[in-house]
């Protein structure tokens, strides 16, 4: 009876808010068609896949490709190390950047200047990855790049930035922050807009200065959104954006730029080793799932905000 009553209550809620549920249909269909249906292709990670025989006719080999990656691939741990480090740096430097910028936007009192700065900060988001990579290559050129021009002006020798492994992570993370920081502030500004203005008035009456208001009201009001976005980001922890890396890496900086996704691209697309590439991709997805579930449990245990 209890189960029946819950189903009845759920059905009544769905009927009451049917317009909102209808708005969810396109998104649900998208994920079913393009995310869940293709998941049956994961089977080839456990096969010696042959295009002639197809998925159901290829030979089953179990964990062969996983063993090949972790045991028989000389650079496997270097690939994992580079992927983890880039993602850690991305979380450390890129994740808090929109939070800080959103707070600074909120504190601006000149509305014209605020709109101008916001617009400028949004613009890099609309540039394609190819354009961003092209700008970086030109700016960092050892002969004609503006960065080396500045170094020469100060009396320093030119630096071949994209040819030195130690510079790659700095270049990649710096470009990610520059490209996405403005667009990332949108959700945080929406969270700030939802904070009750009476809280600021009460804080002023209690003698709180602007810094204390930022810390105890503005920042606290953004925490639920920060937790949700942090958990979602962990789901892509092992999937650092490889498009930009493909455009920027070269044999000179492979030591720090070669990540799992670029390796999968070479083995899966260029060498047509689909089973091996699928096995490595499945490993990445499994790590992402574990991180999301773990982070969500921690968030649910220590706060009132979680994904589920």
C-alpha atoms as a PDB file:
ATOM      1  CA  UNK A   1       0.000   0.000   0.000  1.00  0.00           C
ATOM      2  CA  UNK A   2       2.848   2.364   0.807  1.00  0.00           C
ATOM      3  CA  UNK A   3       4.419   1.795  -2.617  1.00  0.00           C
ATOM      4  CA  UNK A   4       1.076   2.381  -4.322  1.00  0.00           C
ATOM      5  CA  UNK A   5       0.561   5.623  -2.437  1.00  0.00           C
ATOM      6  CA  UNK A   6       4.043   6.838  -3.451  1.00  0.00           C
ATOM      7  CA  UNK A   7       3.354   6.036  -7.115  1.00  0.00           C
ATOM      8  CA  UNK A   8      -0.009   7.789  -6.877  1.00  0.00           C
ATOM      9  CA  UNK A   9       1.571  10.884  -5.334  1.00  0.00           C
ATOM     10  CA  UNK A  10       4.293  10.887  -8.025  1.00  0.00           C
ATOM     11  CA  UNK A  11       1.694  10.567 -10.785  1.00  0.00           C
ATOM     12  CA  UNK A  12      -0.334  13.442  -9.343  1.00  0.00           C
ATOM     13  CA  UNK A  13       2.808  15.602  -9.151  1.00  0.00           C
ATOM     14  CA  UNK A  14       3.657  14.755 -12.772  1.00  0.00           C
ATOM     15  CA  UNK A  15       0.151  15.682 -13.939  1.00  0.00           C
ATOM     16  CA  UNK A  16       0.251  18.930 -11.988  1.00  0.00           C
ATOM     17  CA  UNK A  17       3.582  19.969 -13.507  1.00  0.00           C
ATOM     18  CA  UNK A  18       3.186  18.268 -16.904  1.00  0.00           C
ATOM     19  CA  UNK A  19       4.372  21.360 -18.806  1.00  0.00           C
ATOM     20  CA  UNK A  20       7.707  21.290 -16.956  1.00  0.00           C
ATOM     21  CA  UNK A  21       8.115  17.568 -17.554  1.00  0.00           C
ATOM     22  CA  UNK A  22       7.437  18.062 -21.268  1.00  0.00           C
ATOM     23  CA  UNK A  23      10.325  20.538 -21.367  1.00  0.00           C
ATOM     24  CA  UNK A  24      12.557  17.724 -20.117  1.00  0.00           C
ATOM     25  CA  UNK A  25      11.660  15.382 -22.997  1.00  0.00           C
ATOM     26  CA  UNK A  26      14.148  16.762 -25.604  1.00  0.00           C
ATOM     27  CA  UNK A  27      17.015  16.541 -23.109  1.00  0.00           C
ATOM     28  CA  UNK A  28      16.038  13.024 -22.037  1.00  0.00           C
ATOM     29  CA  UNK A  29      15.769  11.878 -25.665  1.00  0.00           C
ATOM     30  CA  UNK A  30      19.174  13.392 -26.432  1.00  0.00           C
ATOM     31  CA  UNK A  31      20.864  11.436 -23.661  1.00  0.00           C
ATOM     32  CA  UNK A  32      19.030   8.206 -24.518  1.00  0.00           C
ATOM     33  CA  UNK A  33      19.866   8.371 -28.241  1.00  0.00           C
ATOM     34  CA  UNK A  34      23.391   9.760 -28.138  1.00  0.00           C
ATOM     35  CA  UNK A  35      24.673   8.632 -24.716  1.00  0.00           C
ATOM     36  CA  UNK A  36      22.928   5.435 -23.592  1.00  0.00           C
ATOM     37  CA  UNK A  37      22.143   3.617 -26.859  1.00  0.00           C
ATOM     38  CA  UNK A  38      25.787   3.747 -28.098  1.00  0.00           C
ATOM     39  CA  UNK A  39      26.967   2.228 -24.810  1.00  0.00           C
ATOM     40  CA  UNK A  40      26.512  -1.274 -26.207  1.00  0.00           C
ATOM     41  CA  UNK A  41      29.629  -0.530 -28.285  1.00  0.00           C
ATOM     42  CA  UNK A  42      31.685  -0.840 -25.088  1.00  0.00           C
ATOM     43  CA  UNK A  43      31.593  -4.589 -25.753  1.00  0.00           C
ATOM     44  CA  UNK A  44      34.446  -4.231 -28.249  1.00  0.00           C
ATOM     45  CA  UNK A  45      36.776  -3.324 -25.350  1.00  0.00           C
ATOM     46  CA  UNK A  46      36.622  -7.021 -24.449  1.00  0.00           C
ATOM     47  CA  UNK A  47      36.964  -8.290 -28.032  1.00  0.00           C
ATOM     48  CA  UNK A  48      39.441  -8.426 -30.885  1.00  0.00           C
ATOM     49  CA  UNK A  49      37.068  -6.326 -32.926  1.00  0.00           C
ATOM     50  CA  UNK A  50      36.892  -6.919 -36.654  1.00  0.00           C
ATOM     51  CA  UNK A  51      34.885  -4.584 -38.885  1.00  0.00           C
ATOM     52  CA  UNK A  52      34.079  -7.493 -41.178  1.00  0.00           C
ATOM     53  CA  UNK A  53      32.648  -9.673 -38.401  1.00  0.00           C
ATOM     54  CA  UNK A  54      30.968  -6.830 -36.514  1.00  0.00           C
ATOM     55  CA  UNK A  55      30.429  -6.469 -32.787  1.00  0.00           C
ATOM     56  CA  UNK A  56      28.537  -9.730 -32.285  1.00  0.00           C
ATOM     57  CA  UNK A  57      30.855 -11.787 -34.483  1.00  0.00           C
ATOM     58  CA  UNK A  58      34.230 -10.649 -33.133  1.00  0.00           C
ATOM     59  CA  UNK A  59      36.273 -12.872 -30.830  1.00  0.00           C
ATOM     60  CA  UNK A  60      35.912 -12.328 -27.067  1.00  0.00           C
ATOM     61  CA  UNK A  61      39.294 -11.844 -25.352  1.00  0.00           C
ATOM     62  CA  UNK A  62      38.324 -10.635 -21.877  1.00  0.00           C
ATOM     63  CA  UNK A  63      40.746  -8.216 -20.211  1.00  0.00           C
ATOM     64  CA  UNK A  64      43.497  -8.621 -22.816  1.00  0.00           C
ATOM     65  CA  UNK A  65      43.495  -4.964 -23.909  1.00  0.00           C
ATOM     66  CA  UNK A  66      43.451  -3.659 -20.338  1.00  0.00           C
ATOM     67  CA  UNK A  67      46.486  -5.806 -19.507  1.00  0.00           C
ATOM     68  CA  UNK A  68      48.184  -4.602 -22.684  1.00  0.00           C
ATOM     69  CA  UNK A  69      47.704  -0.974 -21.684  1.00  0.00           C
ATOM     70  CA  UNK A  70      48.784  -1.241 -18.031  1.00  0.00           C
ATOM     71  CA  UNK A  71      51.515  -3.879 -18.399  1.00  0.00           C
ATOM     72  CA  UNK A  72      52.770  -3.940 -21.975  1.00  0.00           C
ATOM     73  CA  UNK A  73      52.526  -0.257 -22.934  1.00  0.00           C
ATOM     74  CA  UNK A  74      55.809   1.457 -21.955  1.00  0.00           C
ATOM     75  CA  UNK A  75      54.302   4.935 -21.651  1.00  0.00           C
ATOM     76  CA  UNK A  76      51.055   3.982 -19.875  1.00  0.00           C
ATOM     77  CA  UNK A  77      51.994   5.440 -16.489  1.00  0.00           C
ATOM     78  CA  UNK A  78      53.437   8.564 -18.099  1.00  0.00           C
ATOM     79  CA  UNK A  79      50.108   9.052 -19.884  1.00  0.00           C
ATOM     80  CA  UNK A  80      48.166   8.579 -16.639  1.00  0.00           C
ATOM     81  CA  UNK A  81      50.536  10.937 -14.777  1.00  0.00           C
ATOM     82  CA  UNK A  82      50.202  13.674 -17.407  1.00  0.00           C
ATOM     83  CA  UNK A  83      46.411  13.311 -17.495  1.00  0.00           C
ATOM     84  CA  UNK A  84      46.068  13.431 -13.705  1.00  0.00           C
ATOM     85  CA  UNK A  85      48.436  16.392 -13.311  1.00  0.00           C
ATOM     86  CA  UNK A  86      46.695  18.459 -15.993  1.00  0.00           C
ATOM     87  CA  UNK A  87      43.322  17.758 -14.388  1.00  0.00           C
ATOM     88  CA  UNK A  88      44.600  18.561 -10.899  1.00  0.00           C
ATOM     89  CA  UNK A  89      46.080  21.845 -12.115  1.00  0.00           C
ATOM     90  CA  UNK A  90      42.820  22.576 -13.921  1.00  0.00           C
ATOM     91  CA  UNK A  91      40.837  22.089 -10.701  1.00  0.00           C
ATOM     92  CA  UNK A  92      43.310  24.093  -8.620  1.00  0.00           C
ATOM     93  CA  UNK A  93      43.617  27.108 -10.950  1.00  0.00           C
ATOM     94  CA  UNK A  94      40.667  27.010 -13.368  1.00  0.00           C
ATOM     95  CA  UNK A  95      37.831  25.973 -11.042  1.00  0.00           C
ATOM     96  CA  UNK A  96      38.157  28.833  -8.479  1.00  0.00           C
ATOM     97  CA  UNK A  97      38.867  31.497 -11.120  1.00  0.00           C
ATOM     98  CA  UNK A  98      35.189  32.067 -12.142  1.00  0.00           C
ATOM     99  CA  UNK A  99      34.202  32.143  -8.463  1.00  0.00           C
ATOM    100  CA  UNK A 100      36.656  34.954  -7.736  1.00  0.00           C
ATOM    101  CA  UNK A 101      35.710  36.854 -10.905  1.00  0.00           C
ATOM    102  CA  UNK A 102      31.975  36.550 -10.169  1.00  0.00           C
ATOM    103  CA  UNK A 103      32.507  38.038  -6.693  1.00  0.00           C
ATOM    104  CA  UNK A 104      34.535  40.892  -8.210  1.00  0.00           C
ATOM    105  CA  UNK A 105      31.790  41.536 -10.801  1.00  0.00           C
ATOM    106  CA  UNK A 106      29.230  41.643  -8.001  1.00  0.00           C
ATOM    107  CA  UNK A 107      31.263  44.213  -6.112  1.00  0.00           C
ATOM    108  CA  UNK A 108      31.555  46.598  -9.083  1.00  0.00           C
ATOM    109  CA  UNK A 109      29.307  49.618  -8.614  1.00  0.00           C
ATOM    110  CA  UNK A 110      29.740  51.258 -12.037  1.00  0.00           C
ATOM    111  CA  UNK A 111      27.127  49.423 -14.140  1.00  0.00           C
ATOM    112  CA  UNK A 112      28.554  50.525 -17.513  1.00  0.00           C
ATOM    113  CA  UNK A 113      32.048  49.370 -16.629  1.00  0.00           C
ATOM    114  CA  UNK A 114      30.657  46.135 -15.181  1.00  0.00           C
ATOM    115  CA  UNK A 115      28.801  45.297 -18.421  1.00  0.00           C
ATOM    116  CA  UNK A 116      31.854  46.155 -20.507  1.00  0.00           C
ATOM    117  CA  UNK A 117      34.199  43.938 -18.474  1.00  0.00           C
ATOM    118  CA  UNK A 118      31.707  41.069 -18.451  1.00  0.00           C
ATOM    119  CA  UNK A 119      31.294  41.251 -22.226  1.00  0.00           C
ATOM    120  CA  UNK A 120      35.057  41.255 -22.760  1.00  0.00           C
ATOM    121  CA  UNK A 121      35.496  38.275 -20.422  1.00  0.00           C
ATOM    122  CA  UNK A 122      32.785  36.295 -22.281  1.00  0.00           C
ATOM    123  CA  UNK A 123      34.287  36.806 -25.742  1.00  0.00           C
ATOM    124  CA  UNK A 124      37.044  34.110 -25.669  1.00  0.00           C
ATOM    125  CA  UNK A 125      34.379  31.473 -24.982  1.00  0.00           C
ATOM    126  CA  UNK A 126      32.956  32.004 -28.477  1.00  0.00           C
ATOM    127  CA  UNK A 127      36.295  31.414 -30.190  1.00  0.00           C
ATOM    128  CA  UNK A 128      36.823  27.885 -31.486  1.00  0.00           C
ATOM    129  CA  UNK A 129      39.574  25.708 -30.068  1.00  0.00           C
ATOM    130  CA  UNK A 130      41.396  25.904 -33.402  1.00  0.00           C
ATOM    131  CA  UNK A 131      41.435  29.714 -33.241  1.00  0.00           C
ATOM    132  CA  UNK A 132      42.642  29.666 -29.621  1.00  0.00           C
ATOM    133  CA  UNK A 133      45.427  27.244 -30.508  1.00  0.00           C
ATOM    134  CA  UNK A 134      46.388  29.387 -33.515  1.00  0.00           C
ATOM    135  CA  UNK A 135      46.578  32.490 -31.328  1.00  0.00           C
ATOM    136  CA  UNK A 136      48.813  30.664 -28.848  1.00  0.00           C
ATOM    137  CA  UNK A 137      51.135  29.384 -31.575  1.00  0.00           C
ATOM    138  CA  UNK A 138      51.502  32.888 -33.030  1.00  0.00           C
ATOM    139  CA  UNK A 139      51.929  34.649 -29.681  1.00  0.00           C
ATOM    140  CA  UNK A 140      54.475  32.089 -28.455  1.00  0.00           C
ATOM    141  CA  UNK A 141      56.498  31.831 -31.648  1.00  0.00           C
ATOM    142  CA  UNK A 142      60.265  32.003 -30.897  1.00  0.00           C
ATOM    143  CA  UNK A 143      60.831  34.370 -33.847  1.00  0.00           C
ATOM    144  CA  UNK A 144      57.739  36.543 -34.309  1.00  0.00           C
ATOM    145  CA  UNK A 145      55.712  35.946 -31.132  1.00  0.00           C
ATOM    146  CA  UNK A 146      54.735  38.895 -28.981  1.00  0.00           C
ATOM    147  CA  UNK A 147      55.841  37.098 -25.809  1.00  0.00           C
ATOM    148  CA  UNK A 148      59.382  36.686 -27.084  1.00  0.00           C
ATOM    149  CA  UNK A 149      59.323  40.267 -28.385  1.00  0.00           C
ATOM    150  CA  UNK A 150      58.640  41.416 -24.814  1.00  0.00           C
ATOM    151  CA  UNK A 151      61.413  39.165 -23.492  1.00  0.00           C
ATOM    152  CA  UNK A 152      63.876  40.595 -26.039  1.00  0.00           C
ATOM    153  CA  UNK A 153      62.836  44.124 -25.060  1.00  0.00           C
ATOM    154  CA  UNK A 154      63.816  43.305 -21.454  1.00  0.00           C
ATOM    155  CA  UNK A 155      67.104  41.804 -22.614  1.00  0.00           C
ATOM    156  CA  UNK A 156      66.231  38.111 -22.305  1.00  0.00           C
ATOM    157  CA  UNK A 157      66.883  35.375 -24.860  1.00  0.00           C
ATOM    158  CA  UNK A 158      63.871  34.060 -26.838  1.00  0.00           C
ATOM    159  CA  UNK A 159      62.153  30.967 -25.423  1.00  0.00           C
ATOM    160  CA  UNK A 160      60.694  28.206 -27.592  1.00  0.00           C
ATOM    161  CA  UNK A 161      57.652  27.834 -25.337  1.00  0.00           C
ATOM    162  CA  UNK A 162      55.901  25.042 -27.247  1.00  0.00           C
ATOM    163  CA  UNK A 163      59.151  23.127 -27.619  1.00  0.00           C
ATOM    164  CA  UNK A 164      59.886  22.878 -23.891  1.00  0.00           C
ATOM    165  CA  UNK A 165      57.981  20.223 -21.891  1.00  0.00           C
ATOM    166  CA  UNK A 166      58.137  22.264 -18.681  1.00  0.00           C
ATOM    167  CA  UNK A 167      56.119  25.093 -20.269  1.00  0.00           C
ATOM    168  CA  UNK A 168      53.262  23.030 -21.707  1.00  0.00           C
ATOM    169  CA  UNK A 169      51.110  22.685 -18.571  1.00  0.00           C
ATOM    170  CA  UNK A 170      51.413  26.394 -17.798  1.00  0.00           C
ATOM    171  CA  UNK A 171      50.405  27.300 -21.359  1.00  0.00           C
ATOM    172  CA  UNK A 172      47.489  24.868 -21.414  1.00  0.00           C
ATOM    173  CA  UNK A 173      46.012  25.794 -18.017  1.00  0.00           C
ATOM    174  CA  UNK A 174      46.580  29.518 -18.618  1.00  0.00           C
ATOM    175  CA  UNK A 175      44.736  29.368 -21.940  1.00  0.00           C
ATOM    176  CA  UNK A 176      41.885  27.384 -20.350  1.00  0.00           C
ATOM    177  CA  UNK A 177      41.441  29.999 -17.631  1.00  0.00           C
ATOM    178  CA  UNK A 178      41.551  32.859 -20.152  1.00  0.00           C
ATOM    179  CA  UNK A 179      39.065  31.176 -22.501  1.00  0.00           C
ATOM    180  CA  UNK A 180      36.495  29.965 -19.959  1.00  0.00           C
ATOM    181  CA  UNK A 181      36.709  32.195 -16.900  1.00  0.00           C
ATOM    182  CA  UNK A 182      34.156  34.748 -18.117  1.00  0.00           C
ATOM    183  CA  UNK A 183      31.576  32.215 -19.270  1.00  0.00           C
ATOM    184  CA  UNK A 184      32.016  30.276 -16.038  1.00  0.00           C
ATOM    185  CA  UNK A 185      30.848  33.253 -13.987  1.00  0.00           C
ATOM    186  CA  UNK A 186      27.283  33.087 -15.354  1.00  0.00           C
ATOM    187  CA  UNK A 187      26.022  30.407 -12.953  1.00  0.00           C
ATOM    188  CA  UNK A 188      27.783  32.015 -10.017  1.00  0.00           C
ATOM    189  CA  UNK A 189      26.309  35.431 -10.810  1.00  0.00           C
ATOM    190  CA  UNK A 190      22.874  33.777 -10.969  1.00  0.00           C
ATOM    191  CA  UNK A 191      23.505  32.265  -7.522  1.00  0.00           C
ATOM    192  CA  UNK A 192      24.539  35.674  -6.182  1.00  0.00           C
ATOM    193  CA  UNK A 193      21.398  37.252  -7.656  1.00  0.00           C
ATOM    194  CA  UNK A 194      19.334  34.794  -5.612  1.00  0.00           C
ATOM    195  CA  UNK A 195      20.804  35.943  -2.282  1.00  0.00           C
ATOM    196  CA  UNK A 196      18.333  37.902  -0.160  1.00  0.00           C
ATOM    197  CA  UNK A 197      19.415  41.609  -0.127  1.00  0.00           C
ATOM    198  CA  UNK A 198      18.159  41.811   3.452  1.00  0.00           C
ATOM    199  CA  UNK A 199      21.189  39.744   4.499  1.00  0.00           C
ATOM    200  CA  UNK A 200      23.516  42.496   3.283  1.00  0.00           C
ATOM    201  CA  UNK A 201      21.477  45.156   5.050  1.00  0.00           C
ATOM    202  CA  UNK A 202      21.553  43.190   8.296  1.00  0.00           C
ATOM    203  CA  UNK A 203      25.311  42.678   7.962  1.00  0.00           C
ATOM    204  CA  UNK A 204      25.842  46.422   7.448  1.00  0.00           C
ATOM    205  CA  UNK A 205      23.819  47.189  10.565  1.00  0.00           C
ATOM    206  CA  UNK A 206      26.007  44.740  12.495  1.00  0.00           C
ATOM    207  CA  UNK A 207      29.126  46.590  11.326  1.00  0.00           C
ATOM    208  CA  UNK A 208      30.355  44.134   8.659  1.00  0.00           C
ATOM    209  CA  UNK A 209      32.596  45.719   6.044  1.00  0.00           C
ATOM    210  CA  UNK A 210      32.487  44.784   2.336  1.00  0.00           C
ATOM    211  CA  UNK A 211      35.178  42.127   2.676  1.00  0.00           C
ATOM    212  CA  UNK A 212      33.267  40.447   5.500  1.00  0.00           C
ATOM    213  CA  UNK A 213      30.050  40.606   3.490  1.00  0.00           C
ATOM    214  CA  UNK A 214      31.824  38.978   0.539  1.00  0.00           C
ATOM    215  CA  UNK A 215      33.148  36.209   2.758  1.00  0.00           C
ATOM    216  CA  UNK A 216      30.106  35.445   4.917  1.00  0.00           C
ATOM    217  CA  UNK A 217      27.210  36.213   2.540  1.00  0.00           C
ATOM    218  CA  UNK A 218      28.251  36.281  -1.126  1.00  0.00           C
ATOM    219  CA  UNK A 219      30.670  33.357  -0.968  1.00  0.00           C
ATOM    220  CA  UNK A 220      28.382  31.247   1.241  1.00  0.00           C
ATOM    221  CA  UNK A 221      25.497  31.846  -1.175  1.00  0.00           C
ATOM    222  CA  UNK A 222      27.626  30.458  -4.006  1.00  0.00           C
ATOM    223  CA  UNK A 223      28.685  27.287  -2.183  1.00  0.00           C
ATOM    224  CA  UNK A 224      25.761  25.042  -3.333  1.00  0.00           C
ATOM    225  CA  UNK A 225      26.477  25.855  -6.991  1.00  0.00           C
ATOM    226  CA  UNK A 226      30.201  25.329  -6.407  1.00  0.00           C
ATOM    227  CA  UNK A 227      29.580  21.866  -4.936  1.00  0.00           C
ATOM    228  CA  UNK A 228      27.374  20.781  -7.853  1.00  0.00           C
ATOM    229  CA  UNK A 229      29.846  22.029 -10.471  1.00  0.00           C
ATOM    230  CA  UNK A 230      32.786  20.479  -8.629  1.00  0.00           C
ATOM    231  CA  UNK A 231      31.096  17.067  -8.559  1.00  0.00           C
ATOM    232  CA  UNK A 232      30.234  17.355 -12.266  1.00  0.00           C
ATOM    233  CA  UNK A 233      33.807  18.367 -13.098  1.00  0.00           C
ATOM    234  CA  UNK A 234      35.123  15.283 -11.344  1.00  0.00           C
ATOM    235  CA  UNK A 235      33.105  13.182 -13.801  1.00  0.00           C
ATOM    236  CA  UNK A 236      35.420  14.435 -16.555  1.00  0.00           C
ATOM    237  CA  UNK A 237      38.547  14.248 -14.409  1.00  0.00           C
ATOM    238  CA  UNK A 238      40.349  11.808 -16.717  1.00  0.00           C
ATOM    239  CA  UNK A 239      39.052  13.413 -19.908  1.00  0.00           C
ATOM    240  CA  UNK A 240      41.139  16.559 -20.251  1.00  0.00           C
ATOM    241  CA  UNK A 241      40.128  18.415 -23.428  1.00  0.00           C
ATOM    242  CA  UNK A 242      42.280  16.744 -26.039  1.00  0.00           C
ATOM    243  CA  UNK A 243      41.375  19.001 -28.988  1.00  0.00           C
ATOM    244  CA  UNK A 244      43.609  21.809 -27.770  1.00  0.00           C
ATOM    245  CA  UNK A 245      46.348  19.354 -26.811  1.00  0.00           C
ATOM    246  CA  UNK A 246      46.276  17.780 -30.289  1.00  0.00           C
ATOM    247  CA  UNK A 247      46.739  21.236 -31.787  1.00  0.00           C
ATOM    248  CA  UNK A 248      49.539  22.273 -29.417  1.00  0.00           C
ATOM    249  CA  UNK A 249      51.572  19.168 -28.715  1.00  0.00           C
ATOM    250  CA  UNK A 250      54.553  17.971 -30.711  1.00  0.00           C
ATOM    251  CA  UNK A 251      57.416  15.462 -30.261  1.00  0.00           C
ATOM    252  CA  UNK A 252      59.426  18.061 -28.344  1.00  0.00           C
ATOM    253  CA  UNK A 253      56.884  18.413 -25.523  1.00  0.00           C
ATOM    254  CA  UNK A 254      55.454  14.857 -25.497  1.00  0.00           C
ATOM    255  CA  UNK A 255      56.954  14.300 -22.047  1.00  0.00           C
ATOM    256  CA  UNK A 256      54.253  16.475 -20.431  1.00  0.00           C
ATOM    257  CA  UNK A 257      51.652  16.963 -23.188  1.00  0.00           C
ATOM    258  CA  UNK A 258      50.886  13.370 -24.191  1.00  0.00           C
ATOM    259  CA  UNK A 259      47.747  12.292 -22.293  1.00  0.00           C
ATOM    260  CA  UNK A 260      45.405   9.313 -22.423  1.00  0.00           C
ATOM    261  CA  UNK A 261      43.031  10.944 -24.912  1.00  0.00           C
ATOM    262  CA  UNK A 262      45.787  11.744 -27.402  1.00  0.00           C
ATOM    263  CA  UNK A 263      47.102   8.185 -27.064  1.00  0.00           C
ATOM    264  CA  UNK A 264      43.601   6.800 -27.678  1.00  0.00           C
ATOM    265  CA  UNK A 265      43.322   9.038 -30.734  1.00  0.00           C
ATOM    266  CA  UNK A 266      46.554   7.664 -32.202  1.00  0.00           C
ATOM    267  CA  UNK A 267      45.778   4.015 -31.440  1.00  0.00           C
ATOM    268  CA  UNK A 268      42.060   4.117 -32.161  1.00  0.00           C
ATOM    269  CA  UNK A 269      41.791   6.460 -35.141  1.00  0.00           C
ATOM    270  CA  UNK A 270      45.222   6.545 -36.765  1.00  0.00           C
ATOM    271  CA  UNK A 271      46.147   2.878 -36.127  1.00  0.00           C
ATOM    272  CA  UNK A 272      42.521   1.593 -36.306  1.00  0.00           C
ATOM    273  CA  UNK A 273      42.970  -0.447 -33.099  1.00  0.00           C
ATOM    274  CA  UNK A 274      39.389   0.097 -31.984  1.00  0.00           C
ATOM    275  CA  UNK A 275      39.260  -2.535 -29.247  1.00  0.00           C
ATOM    276  CA  UNK A 276      42.364  -1.270 -27.478  1.00  0.00           C
ATOM    277  CA  UNK A 277      41.204   2.363 -27.699  1.00  0.00           C
ATOM    278  CA  UNK A 278      37.760   1.400 -26.342  1.00  0.00           C
ATOM    279  CA  UNK A 279      39.359  -0.405 -23.398  1.00  0.00           C
ATOM    280  CA  UNK A 280      41.407   2.656 -22.465  1.00  0.00           C
ATOM    281  CA  UNK A 281      38.373   4.918 -22.906  1.00  0.00           C
ATOM    282  CA  UNK A 282      36.321   2.605 -20.660  1.00  0.00           C
ATOM    283  CA  UNK A 283      39.023   2.851 -18.000  1.00  0.00           C
ATOM    284  CA  UNK A 284      38.740   6.660 -18.116  1.00  0.00           C
ATOM    285  CA  UNK A 285      34.954   6.542 -17.798  1.00  0.00           C
ATOM    286  CA  UNK A 286      35.126   4.107 -14.872  1.00  0.00           C
ATOM    287  CA  UNK A 287      37.481   6.431 -12.981  1.00  0.00           C
ATOM    288  CA  UNK A 288      35.139   9.360 -13.659  1.00  0.00           C
ATOM    289  CA  UNK A 289      32.132   7.382 -12.357  1.00  0.00           C
ATOM    290  CA  UNK A 290      33.943   6.405  -9.159  1.00  0.00           C
ATOM    291  CA  UNK A 291      35.015  10.012  -8.538  1.00  0.00           C
ATOM    292  CA  UNK A 292      31.507  11.400  -9.104  1.00  0.00           C
ATOM    293  CA  UNK A 293      29.844   8.858  -6.796  1.00  0.00           C
ATOM    294  CA  UNK A 294      32.491   9.359  -4.094  1.00  0.00           C
ATOM    295  CA  UNK A 295      32.380  13.165  -4.283  1.00  0.00           C
ATOM    296  CA  UNK A 296      28.571  13.157  -4.220  1.00  0.00           C
ATOM    297  CA  UNK A 297      28.494  10.965  -1.109  1.00  0.00           C
ATOM    298  CA  UNK A 298      30.968  13.234   0.647  1.00  0.00           C
ATOM    299  CA  UNK A 299      28.964  16.327  -0.364  1.00  0.00           C
ATOM    300  CA  UNK A 300      25.728  14.737   0.841  1.00  0.00           C
ATOM    301  CA  UNK A 301      27.316  13.733   4.150  1.00  0.00           C
ATOM    302  CA  UNK A 302      28.876  17.085   5.018  1.00  0.00           C
ATOM    303  CA  UNK A 303      26.464  19.533   3.342  1.00  0.00           C
ATOM    304  CA  UNK A 304      22.865  19.896   2.250  1.00  0.00           C
ATOM    305  CA  UNK A 305      23.785  19.956  -1.460  1.00  0.00           C
ATOM    306  CA  UNK A 306      24.340  16.958  -3.733  1.00  0.00           C
ATOM    307  CA  UNK A 307      23.476  15.684  -7.204  1.00  0.00           C
ATOM    308  CA  UNK A 308      21.222  12.938  -5.832  1.00  0.00           C
END
